[in-house]
C-alpha atoms as a PDB file:
ATOM      1  CA  MET A   1     -32.940  66.715 -26.889  1.00  0.00           C
ATOM      2  CA  PRO A   2     -33.382  62.854 -27.090  1.00  0.00           C
ATOM      3  CA  THR A   3     -30.603  60.717 -28.738  1.00  0.00           C
ATOM      4  CA  GLY A   4     -31.135  58.724 -31.757  1.00  0.00           C
ATOM      5  CA  ARG A   5     -31.049  55.373 -29.649  1.00  0.00           C
ATOM      6  CA  GLN A   6     -33.845  56.913 -27.523  1.00  0.00           C
ATOM      7  CA  LEU A   7     -35.974  57.836 -30.412  1.00  0.00           C
ATOM      8  CA  LYS A   8     -35.342  54.458 -31.892  1.00  0.00           C
ATOM      9  CA  GLU A   9     -36.426  52.949 -28.574  1.00  0.00           C
ATOM     10  CA  LEU A  10     -39.538  55.014 -28.368  1.00  0.00           C
ATOM     11  CA  GLY A  11     -40.637  53.908 -31.950  1.00  0.00           C
ATOM     12  CA  GLN A  12     -39.934  50.188 -31.124  1.00  0.00           C
ATOM     13  CA  PHE A  13     -42.066  50.556 -27.857  1.00  0.00           C
ATOM     14  CA  LEU A  14     -45.099  52.140 -29.640  1.00  0.00           C
ATOM     15  CA  LYS A  15     -44.949  49.708 -32.502  1.00  0.00           C
ATOM     16  CA  ALA A  16     -45.111  46.842 -29.860  1.00  0.00           C
ATOM     17  CA  ARG A  17     -48.055  48.417 -28.063  1.00  0.00           C
ATOM     18  CA  ARG A  18     -49.739  49.036 -31.333  1.00  0.00           C
ATOM     19  CA  GLY A  19     -49.644  45.425 -32.067  1.00  0.00           C
ATOM     20  CA  GLU A  20     -51.375  44.554 -28.756  1.00  0.00           C
ATOM     21  CA  VAL A  21     -54.624  46.771 -29.411  1.00  0.00           C
ATOM     22  CA  ASN A  22     -57.786  45.071 -30.378  1.00  0.00           C
ATOM     23  CA  PRO A  23     -59.184  47.134 -33.019  1.00  0.00           C
ATOM     24  CA  ILE A  24     -62.734  46.608 -31.674  1.00  0.00           C
ATOM     25  CA  GLU A  25     -61.740  47.943 -28.254  1.00  0.00           C
ATOM     26  CA  VAL A  26     -60.913  51.301 -30.001  1.00  0.00           C
ATOM     27  CA  GLY A  27     -64.279  51.641 -31.893  1.00  0.00           C
ATOM     28  CA  LEU A  28     -62.955  50.241 -35.177  1.00  0.00           C
ATOM     29  CA  PRO A  29     -65.043  47.649 -37.112  1.00  0.00           C
ATOM     30  CA  ALA A  30     -63.818  44.150 -37.544  1.00  0.00           C
ATOM     31  CA  ALA A  31     -62.956  44.065 -41.199  1.00  0.00           C
ATOM     32  CA  GLY A  32     -61.970  40.373 -41.820  1.00  0.00           C
ATOM     33  CA  VAL A  33     -58.592  38.750 -41.108  1.00  0.00           C
ATOM     34  CA  ARG A  34     -55.631  41.010 -40.558  1.00  0.00           C
ATOM     35  CA  ARG A  35     -52.123  40.169 -41.847  1.00  0.00           C
ATOM     36  CA  THR A  36     -50.639  41.468 -38.492  1.00  0.00           C
ATOM     37  CA  PRO A  37     -52.369  41.584 -34.987  1.00  0.00           C
ATOM     38  CA  GLY A  38     -53.494  44.876 -33.598  1.00  0.00           C
ATOM     39  CA  LEU A  39     -53.717  48.511 -35.114  1.00  0.00           C
ATOM     40  CA  ARG A  40     -52.420  49.713 -38.278  1.00  0.00           C
ATOM     41  CA  ARG A  41     -50.199  52.882 -38.282  1.00  0.00           C
ATOM     42  CA  GLU A  42     -52.877  54.814 -40.198  1.00  0.00           C
ATOM     43  CA  GLU A  43     -55.408  53.823 -37.535  1.00  0.00           C
ATOM     44  CA  VAL A  44     -53.334  55.078 -34.552  1.00  0.00           C
ATOM     45  CA  ALA A  45     -52.440  58.252 -36.393  1.00  0.00           C
ATOM     46  CA  LEU A  46     -56.442  58.590 -37.325  1.00  0.00           C
ATOM     47  CA  LEU A  47     -57.529  57.949 -33.690  1.00  0.00           C
ATOM     48  CA  ALA A  48     -54.843  60.053 -32.122  1.00  0.00           C
ATOM     49  CA  GLY A  49     -55.468  63.160 -34.588  1.00  0.00           C
ATOM     50  CA  VAL A  50     -51.839  63.012 -35.710  1.00  0.00           C
ATOM     51  CA  GLY A  51     -50.775  63.135 -39.366  1.00  0.00           C
ATOM     52  CA  VAL A  52     -49.891  59.626 -40.787  1.00  0.00           C
ATOM     53  CA  SER A  53     -46.525  60.659 -42.056  1.00  0.00           C
ATOM     54  CA  TRP A  54     -45.708  62.098 -38.626  1.00  0.00           C
ATOM     55  CA  TYR A  55     -46.766  59.080 -36.711  1.00  0.00           C
ATOM     56  CA  THR A  56     -44.644  56.963 -39.000  1.00  0.00           C
ATOM     57  CA  TRP A  57     -41.595  59.090 -38.320  1.00  0.00           C
ATOM     58  CA  ILE A  58     -42.219  58.545 -34.730  1.00  0.00           C
ATOM     59  CA  GLU A  59     -42.276  54.798 -35.140  1.00  0.00           C
ATOM     60  CA  GLN A  60     -39.156  55.140 -37.306  1.00  0.00           C
ATOM     61  CA  GLY A  61     -37.154  56.894 -34.739  1.00  0.00           C
ATOM     62  CA  ARG A  62     -36.987  59.958 -36.905  1.00  0.00           C
ATOM     63  CA  ALA A  63     -39.125  62.538 -35.049  1.00  0.00           C
ATOM     64  CA  GLU A  64     -36.747  64.523 -32.786  1.00  0.00           C
ATOM     65  CA  ASN A  65     -39.353  67.026 -31.575  1.00  0.00           C
ATOM     66  CA  VAL A  66     -42.440  64.931 -30.421  1.00  0.00           C
ATOM     67  CA  SER A  67     -44.761  67.260 -28.308  1.00  0.00           C
ATOM     68  CA  ALA A  68     -46.311  66.136 -24.936  1.00  0.00           C
ATOM     69  CA  GLU A  69     -49.972  66.754 -26.609  1.00  0.00           C
ATOM     70  CA  VAL A  70     -48.994  64.109 -29.313  1.00  0.00           C
ATOM     71  CA  LEU A  71     -47.744  61.674 -27.003  1.00  0.00           C
ATOM     72  CA  ALA A  72     -50.554  62.029 -24.735  1.00  0.00           C
ATOM     73  CA  ALA A  73     -53.114  61.278 -27.677  1.00  0.00           C
ATOM     74  CA  ILE A  74     -50.990  58.408 -28.909  1.00  0.00           C
ATOM     75  CA  SER A  75     -50.872  56.983 -25.352  1.00  0.00           C
ATOM     76  CA  ARG A  76     -54.737  57.250 -24.976  1.00  0.00           C
ATOM     77  CA  VAL A  77     -55.267  55.371 -28.336  1.00  0.00           C
ATOM     78  CA  LEU A  78     -52.683  52.590 -27.316  1.00  0.00           C
ATOM     79  CA  ASN A  79     -54.193  52.250 -23.786  1.00  0.00           C
ATOM     80  CA  LEU A  80     -50.843  52.868 -22.048  1.00  0.00           C
ATOM     81  CA  ASP A  81     -50.930  52.584 -18.412  1.00  0.00           C
ATOM     82  CA  ASP A  82     -49.075  55.090 -16.057  1.00  0.00           C
ATOM     83  CA  ALA A  83     -45.724  53.326 -15.965  1.00  0.00           C
ATOM     84  CA  GLN A  84     -45.664  53.099 -19.803  1.00  0.00           C
ATOM     85  CA  ARG A  85     -46.828  56.735 -20.296  1.00  0.00           C
ATOM     86  CA  GLN A  86     -43.794  57.952 -17.934  1.00  0.00           C
ATOM     87  CA  TYR A  87     -41.470  55.607 -20.148  1.00  0.00           C
ATOM     88  CA  VAL A  88     -42.493  57.170 -23.287  1.00  0.00           C
ATOM     89  CA  TRP A  89     -42.295  60.572 -21.913  1.00  0.00           C
ATOM     90  CA  ARG A  90     -38.700  59.894 -20.743  1.00  0.00           C
ATOM     91  CA  LEU A  91     -37.692  58.470 -24.091  1.00  0.00           C
ATOM     92  CA  ALA A  92     -38.960  61.528 -25.868  1.00  0.00           C
ATOM     93  CA  GLY A  93     -36.939  63.787 -23.561  1.00  0.00           C
ATOM     94  CA  LEU A  94     -39.824  65.449 -21.786  1.00  0.00           C
ATOM     95  CA  GLY A  95     -39.331  63.750 -18.269  1.00  0.00           C
ATOM     96  CA  SER A  96     -35.604  62.362 -17.700  1.00  0.00           C
ATOM     97  CA  SER A  97     -33.737  62.483 -14.420  1.00  0.00           C
ATOM     98  CA  HIS A  98     -30.463  61.868 -15.921  1.00  0.00           C
ATOM     99  CA  PHE A  99     -27.684  63.535 -14.184  1.00  0.00           C
ATOM    100  CA  ALA A 100     -23.971  64.123 -15.092  1.00  0.00           C
ATOM    101  CA  SER A 101     -21.515  61.337 -14.381  1.00  0.00           C
ATOM    102  CA  SER A 102     -19.936  61.600 -10.729  1.00  0.00           C
ATOM    103  CA  PRO A 103     -17.233  59.842  -9.036  1.00  0.00           C
ATOM    104  CA  ALA A 104     -17.781  56.457  -7.716  1.00  0.00           C
ATOM    105  CA  PRO A 105     -19.404  56.523  -4.236  1.00  0.00           C
ATOM    106  CA  ASP A 106     -17.460  55.355  -1.132  1.00  0.00           C
ATOM    107  CA  ALA A 107     -19.154  52.153  -0.162  1.00  0.00           C
ATOM    108  CA  GLU A 108     -18.129  52.305   3.510  1.00  0.00           C
ATOM    109  CA  SER A 109     -19.897  55.683   3.944  1.00  0.00           C
ATOM    110  CA  PHE A 110     -23.186  53.953   3.122  1.00  0.00           C
ATOM    111  CA  LYS A 111     -22.817  50.796   4.984  1.00  0.00           C
ATOM    112  CA  PRO A 112     -24.770  52.178   8.029  1.00  0.00           C
ATOM    113  CA  PHE A 113     -27.817  52.653   6.086  1.00  0.00           C
ATOM    114  CA  VAL A 114     -28.165  48.897   5.025  1.00  0.00           C
ATOM    115  CA  ASP A 115     -26.761  47.572   8.265  1.00  0.00           C
ATOM    116  CA  ASN A 116     -29.334  49.457  10.031  1.00  0.00           C
ATOM    117  CA  TRP A 117     -31.997  47.337   8.219  1.00  0.00           C
ATOM    118  CA  LEU A 118     -30.724  43.922   9.682  1.00  0.00           C
ATOM    119  CA  PRO A 119     -31.988  41.313   9.908  1.00  0.00           C
ATOM    120  CA  ASN A 120     -33.794  42.389   6.690  1.00  0.00           C
ATOM    121  CA  PRO A 121     -31.673  42.187   3.679  1.00  0.00           C
ATOM    122  CA  ALA A 122     -30.871  45.538   2.158  1.00  0.00           C
ATOM    123  CA  TYR A 123     -28.470  46.891  -0.513  1.00  0.00           C
ATOM    124  CA  ILE A 124     -27.607  50.189  -2.482  1.00  0.00           C
ATOM    125  CA  ALA A 125     -27.069  50.010  -6.132  1.00  0.00           C
ATOM    126  CA  ASP A 126     -26.252  52.541  -8.560  1.00  0.00           C
ATOM    127  CA  ARG A 127     -28.067  53.598 -11.941  1.00  0.00           C
ATOM    128  CA  VAL A 128     -26.615  50.749 -13.712  1.00  0.00           C
ATOM    129  CA  TRP A 129     -27.643  48.113 -10.980  1.00  0.00           C
ATOM    130  CA  ASN A 130     -24.217  47.706  -9.666  1.00  0.00           C
ATOM    131  CA  VAL A 131     -24.444  46.766  -5.937  1.00  0.00           C
ATOM    132  CA  VAL A 132     -22.513  49.502  -4.268  1.00  0.00           C
ATOM    133  CA  VAL A 133     -22.892  48.243  -0.580  1.00  0.00           C
ATOM    134  CA  ALA A 134     -25.042  45.460   0.882  1.00  0.00           C
ATOM    135  CA  ASN A 135     -25.522  43.944   4.368  1.00  0.00           C
ATOM    136  CA  ASP A 136     -24.864  40.463   5.357  1.00  0.00           C
ATOM    137  CA  ALA A 137     -28.547  39.300   4.854  1.00  0.00           C
ATOM    138  CA  ALA A 138     -28.674  40.712   1.293  1.00  0.00           C
ATOM    139  CA  ARG A 139     -25.197  39.204   0.470  1.00  0.00           C
ATOM    140  CA  GLU A 140     -26.599  35.785   1.549  1.00  0.00           C
ATOM    141  CA  LEU A 141     -30.116  35.972   0.155  1.00  0.00           C
ATOM    142  CA  LEU A 142     -28.795  37.286  -3.144  1.00  0.00           C
ATOM    143  CA  ALA A 143     -25.762  35.012  -3.524  1.00  0.00           C
ATOM    144  CA  LEU A 144     -23.693  38.385  -4.032  1.00  0.00           C
ATOM    145  CA  ASP A 145     -20.337  36.818  -2.721  1.00  0.00           C
ATOM    146  CA  GLY A 146     -18.754  35.459  -5.844  1.00  0.00           C
ATOM    147  CA  SER A 147     -20.896  37.257  -8.293  1.00  0.00           C
ATOM    148  CA  CYS A 148     -19.900  40.182 -10.653  1.00  0.00           C
ATOM    149  CA  GLY A 149     -21.857  42.522  -8.620  1.00  0.00           C
ATOM    150  CA  ASN A 150     -24.324  43.698 -11.271  1.00  0.00           C
ATOM    151  CA  LEU A 151     -27.850  42.551 -10.537  1.00  0.00           C
ATOM    152  CA  LEU A 152     -29.173  42.332 -14.026  1.00  0.00           C
ATOM    153  CA  GLU A 153     -25.904  40.562 -15.289  1.00  0.00           C
ATOM    154  CA  ASP A 154     -25.811  38.086 -12.327  1.00  0.00           C
ATOM    155  CA  PHE A 155     -29.546  37.387 -12.952  1.00  0.00           C
ATOM    156  CA  PHE A 156     -29.005  36.222 -16.339  1.00  0.00           C
ATOM    157  CA  LEU A 157     -25.602  35.004 -16.502  1.00  0.00           C
ATOM    158  CA  ASN A 158     -24.762  33.527 -13.111  1.00  0.00           C
ATOM    159  CA  PRO A 159     -26.309  30.001 -12.110  1.00  0.00           C
ATOM    160  CA  GLY A 160     -25.984  30.757  -8.510  1.00  0.00           C
ATOM    161  CA  THR A 161     -28.171  33.939  -8.795  1.00  0.00           C
ATOM    162  CA  ARG A 162     -30.655  31.923 -10.938  1.00  0.00           C
ATOM    163  CA  SER A 163     -30.935  29.168  -8.391  1.00  0.00           C
ATOM    164  CA  ARG A 164     -32.302  31.865  -5.849  1.00  0.00           C
ATOM    165  CA  HIS A 165     -35.503  32.328  -8.106  1.00  0.00           C
ATOM    166  CA  PRO A 166     -37.674  29.378  -8.096  1.00  0.00           C
ATOM    167  CA  ASP A 167     -39.893  31.192 -10.437  1.00  0.00           C
ATOM    168  CA  TRP A 168     -37.025  32.506 -12.690  1.00  0.00           C
ATOM    169  CA  GLN A 169     -38.719  32.499 -15.954  1.00  0.00           C
ATOM    170  CA  GLN A 170     -41.764  34.767 -14.572  1.00  0.00           C
ATOM    171  CA  ASP A 171     -39.194  36.869 -12.468  1.00  0.00           C
ATOM    172  CA  ALA A 172     -37.148  37.345 -15.684  1.00  0.00           C
ATOM    173  CA  ALA A 173     -39.814  39.188 -17.541  1.00  0.00           C
ATOM    174  CA  THR A 174     -40.610  41.370 -14.304  1.00  0.00           C
ATOM    175  CA  VAL A 175     -36.770  42.361 -13.892  1.00  0.00           C
ATOM    176  CA  VAL A 176     -36.415  43.289 -17.509  1.00  0.00           C
ATOM    177  CA  ALA A 177     -39.619  45.331 -17.514  1.00  0.00           C
ATOM    178  CA  ARG A 178     -38.553  47.115 -14.268  1.00  0.00           C
ATOM    179  CA  PHE A 179     -34.911  47.802 -15.635  1.00  0.00           C
ATOM    180  CA  ARG A 180     -36.362  49.229 -18.927  1.00  0.00           C
ATOM    181  CA  ALA A 181     -38.555  51.567 -17.099  1.00  0.00           C
ATOM    182  CA  HIS A 182     -35.500  52.426 -14.664  1.00  0.00           C
ATOM    183  CA  ALA A 183     -33.242  52.916 -17.806  1.00  0.00           C
ATOM    184  CA  ALA A 184     -35.372  55.592 -19.126  1.00  0.00           C
ATOM    185  CA  ASN A 185     -34.514  57.796 -16.230  1.00  0.00           C
ATOM    186  CA  HIS A 186     -30.886  57.940 -17.341  1.00  0.00           C
ATOM    187  CA  ALA A 187     -31.268  58.492 -20.938  1.00  0.00           C
ATOM    188  CA  ALA A 188     -27.943  58.247 -23.134  1.00  0.00           C
ATOM    189  CA  ASP A 189     -25.968  56.994 -20.180  1.00  0.00           C
ATOM    190  CA  PRO A 190     -22.945  55.273 -21.972  1.00  0.00           C
ATOM    191  CA  LEU A 191     -22.426  52.785 -18.996  1.00  0.00           C
ATOM    192  CA  LEU A 192     -26.220  51.648 -18.918  1.00  0.00           C
ATOM    193  CA  GLU A 193     -26.077  51.559 -22.926  1.00  0.00           C
ATOM    194  CA  SER A 194     -22.987  49.295 -22.732  1.00  0.00           C
ATOM    195  CA  MET A 195     -24.332  46.846 -20.233  1.00  0.00           C
ATOM    196  CA  VAL A 196     -27.518  46.430 -22.324  1.00  0.00           C
ATOM    197  CA  ASP A 197     -25.433  45.675 -25.385  1.00  0.00           C
ATOM    198  CA  ARG A 198     -23.272  43.107 -23.406  1.00  0.00           C
ATOM    199  CA  LEU A 199     -26.483  41.361 -22.299  1.00  0.00           C
ATOM    200  CA  LEU A 200     -28.097  41.423 -25.648  1.00  0.00           C
ATOM    201  CA  ALA A 201     -24.878  39.711 -27.016  1.00  0.00           C
ATOM    202  CA  ARG A 202     -24.518  37.214 -24.191  1.00  0.00           C
ATOM    203  CA  SER A 203     -28.148  36.164 -23.174  1.00  0.00           C
ATOM    204  CA  ARG A 204     -30.763  35.097 -25.454  1.00  0.00           C
ATOM    205  CA  GLU A 205     -33.380  35.117 -22.979  1.00  0.00           C
ATOM    206  CA  PHE A 206     -32.496  38.822 -22.003  1.00  0.00           C
ATOM    207  CA  ALA A 207     -32.805  39.757 -25.588  1.00  0.00           C
ATOM    208  CA  LYS A 208     -35.955  38.183 -26.110  1.00  0.00           C
ATOM    209  CA  LEU A 209     -37.596  39.973 -23.187  1.00  0.00           C
ATOM    210  CA  TRP A 210     -35.781  43.279 -23.940  1.00  0.00           C
ATOM    211  CA  HIS A 211     -37.126  43.295 -27.483  1.00  0.00           C
ATOM    212  CA  ALA A 212     -40.583  42.629 -26.011  1.00  0.00           C
ATOM    213  CA  GLN A 213     -40.723  46.273 -24.971  1.00  0.00           C
ATOM    214  CA  GLU A 214     -42.379  45.921 -21.675  1.00  0.00           C
ATOM    215  CA  VAL A 215     -42.079  48.313 -18.744  1.00  0.00           C
ATOM    216  CA  GLN A 216     -43.129  47.909 -15.200  1.00  0.00           C
ATOM    217  CA  GLU A 217     -43.233  50.036 -11.907  1.00  0.00           C
ATOM    218  CA  ASP A 218     -39.669  49.530 -10.234  1.00  0.00           C
ATOM    219  CA  SER A 219     -40.554  50.870  -6.750  1.00  0.00           C
ATOM    220  CA  CYS A 220     -42.135  47.991  -5.057  1.00  0.00           C
ATOM    221  CA  GLY A 221     -43.272  44.147  -5.556  1.00  0.00           C
ATOM    222  CA  ILE A 222     -43.379  40.903  -3.846  1.00  0.00           C
ATOM    223  CA  ASP A 223     -40.468  38.646  -4.744  1.00  0.00           C
ATOM    224  CA  LEU A 224     -40.257  34.769  -3.966  1.00  0.00           C
ATOM    225  CA  LEU A 225     -36.577  33.631  -3.307  1.00  0.00           C
ATOM    226  CA  GLN A 226     -34.985  30.539  -2.435  1.00  0.00           C
ATOM    227  CA  HIS A 227     -32.105  30.288  -0.092  1.00  0.00           C
ATOM    228  CA  PRO A 228     -30.400  26.800   0.253  1.00  0.00           C
ATOM    229  CA  ARG A 229     -30.107  26.986   4.205  1.00  0.00           C
ATOM    230  CA  VAL A 230     -33.644  28.725   5.164  1.00  0.00           C
ATOM    231  CA  GLY A 231     -35.703  27.553   2.087  1.00  0.00           C
ATOM    232  CA  GLU A 232     -38.465  29.798   0.262  1.00  0.00           C
ATOM    233  CA  LEU A 233     -38.935  33.297   1.250  1.00  0.00           C
ATOM    234  CA  SER A 234     -41.924  35.557   0.402  1.00  0.00           C
ATOM    235  CA  LEU A 235     -40.440  39.089   0.712  1.00  0.00           C
ATOM    236  CA  ARG A 236     -41.834  42.649  -0.079  1.00  0.00           C
ATOM    237  CA  ARG A 237     -39.354  44.692  -2.073  1.00  0.00           C
ATOM    238  CA  THR A 238     -39.202  48.400  -1.645  1.00  0.00           C
ATOM    239  CA  THR A 239     -36.792  50.643  -3.690  1.00  0.00           C
ATOM    240  CA  LEU A 240     -36.402  54.266  -2.758  1.00  0.00           C
ATOM    241  CA  ASP A 241     -34.325  56.866  -4.403  1.00  0.00           C
ATOM    242  CA  PHE A 242     -31.366  57.619  -2.075  1.00  0.00           C
ATOM    243  CA  THR A 243     -29.475  60.222  -3.988  1.00  0.00           C
ATOM    244  CA  PRO A 244     -30.472  61.231  -7.360  1.00  0.00           C
ATOM    245  CA  ARG A 245     -27.405  63.267  -8.216  1.00  0.00           C
ATOM    246  CA  LEU A 246     -25.437  60.048  -8.007  1.00  0.00           C
ATOM    247  CA  GLY A 247     -28.363  57.715  -9.136  1.00  0.00           C
ATOM    248  CA  LEU A 248     -28.187  55.754  -6.009  1.00  0.00           C
ATOM    249  CA  ARG A 249     -31.138  53.666  -4.695  1.00  0.00           C
ATOM    250  CA  LEU A 250     -31.821  51.676  -1.527  1.00  0.00           C
ATOM    251  CA  THR A 251     -33.923  48.429  -1.806  1.00  0.00           C
ATOM    252  CA  VAL A 252     -34.917  46.536   1.330  1.00  0.00           C
ATOM    253  CA  PHE A 253     -36.839  43.307   1.632  1.00  0.00           C
ATOM    254  CA  MET A 254     -39.222  42.743   4.170  1.00  0.00           C
ATOM    255  CA  PRO A 255     -41.050  39.516   5.208  1.00  0.00           C
ATOM    256  CA  VAL A 256     -44.672  39.244   3.902  1.00  0.00           C
ATOM    257  CA  PRO A 257     -46.912  39.143   6.942  1.00  0.00           C
ATOM    258  CA  GLY A 258     -48.236  35.838   7.677  1.00  0.00           C
ATOM    259  CA  THR A 259     -45.465  33.909   5.685  1.00  0.00           C
ATOM    260  CA  ARG A 260     -42.706  31.649   7.058  1.00  0.00           C
ATOM    261  CA  ALA A 261     -40.296  34.510   6.006  1.00  0.00           C
ATOM    262  CA  GLU A 262     -41.039  36.394   9.186  1.00  0.00           C
ATOM    263  CA  ARG A 263     -39.627  33.395  11.256  1.00  0.00           C
ATOM    264  CA  VAL A 264     -36.785  32.315   9.181  1.00  0.00           C
ATOM    265  CA  LEU A 265     -35.363  35.573   7.685  1.00  0.00           C
ATOM    266  CA  PRO A 266     -33.197  36.223  10.762  1.00  0.00           C
ATOM    267  CA  LEU A 267     -31.581  33.016  10.357  1.00  0.00           C
ATOM    268  CA  LEU A 268     -29.731  34.453   7.432  1.00  0.00           C
ATOM    269  CA  THR A 269     -27.278  36.262   9.787  1.00  0.00           C
ATOM    270  CA  PRO A 270     -27.240  34.157  12.967  1.00  0.00           C
ATOM    271  CA  GLN A 271     -23.924  35.623  14.221  1.00  0.00           C
ATOM    272  CA  ARG A 272     -25.784  38.873  14.660  1.00  0.00           C
ATOM    273  CA  LYS A 273     -26.800  39.450  18.267  1.00  0.00           C
ATOM    274  CA  VAL A 274     -30.028  41.693  18.876  1.00  0.00           C
ATOM    275  CA  THR A 275     -29.265  44.076  21.653  1.00  0.00           C
ATOM    276  CA  GLY A 276     -31.755  46.495  23.605  1.00  0.00           C
ATOM    277  CA  SER A 277     -34.756  44.302  23.365  1.00  0.00           C
ATOM    278  CA  ALA A 278     -37.406  44.226  26.067  1.00  0.00           C
ATOM    279  CA  ALA A 279     -37.045  41.652  28.786  1.00  0.00           C
END
């Protein structure tokens, strides 16, 4: 059963997407100037074959038992992509992978899994994006030493982390959209909700992006990062579920082929000796 907070998030998300739909694109006539952009609630309800009162309840966060069929119809009208549809399903309690709280993992037991990726940066984070363990290249690349150790809080509140992102404004929107999609997998997690509340209170930039209600696929992407010693790096980020029961995920950065990252990435950990290479 979804919580009140989930239902409120669901309603806010649908309202935001409704405001982005051009009425002409869904077959409605252009009827003069509208006071607000997008579709009206009544129009979404009509096109989705849902009662106006029921759809209004959904947007108001008052509908506790929204069916998959209703969500599918609304998603079609609002032109939601796959990531957005999955997000909606999870908020409605139809597809969450939330697991019961577990003891904190032993970081040392996971260290070989990140060290084996050297010289490529790699780290394991928990469901709240706290870094559990990272190899030396990841610590250098992401300025983890001296940080609070939470990827999202450091991104918005730590100037050292911000300096590693030459396109910080653009990256910020992507990071929040990725985190929102990820958070839906851990519905009603008190640690996650507490962290979001802290960031809403402490970062105006985070609050603006969080209220924009955007979601984005979180498993892979291209990141442009800046290191003071080796310069700009174009890296392909890949994130894999490591152990769903604990909510741990492994993230590895690989150099984008054909970029200078292939040459300079090993310089992040110059003390490491490569053994067993061909003569």
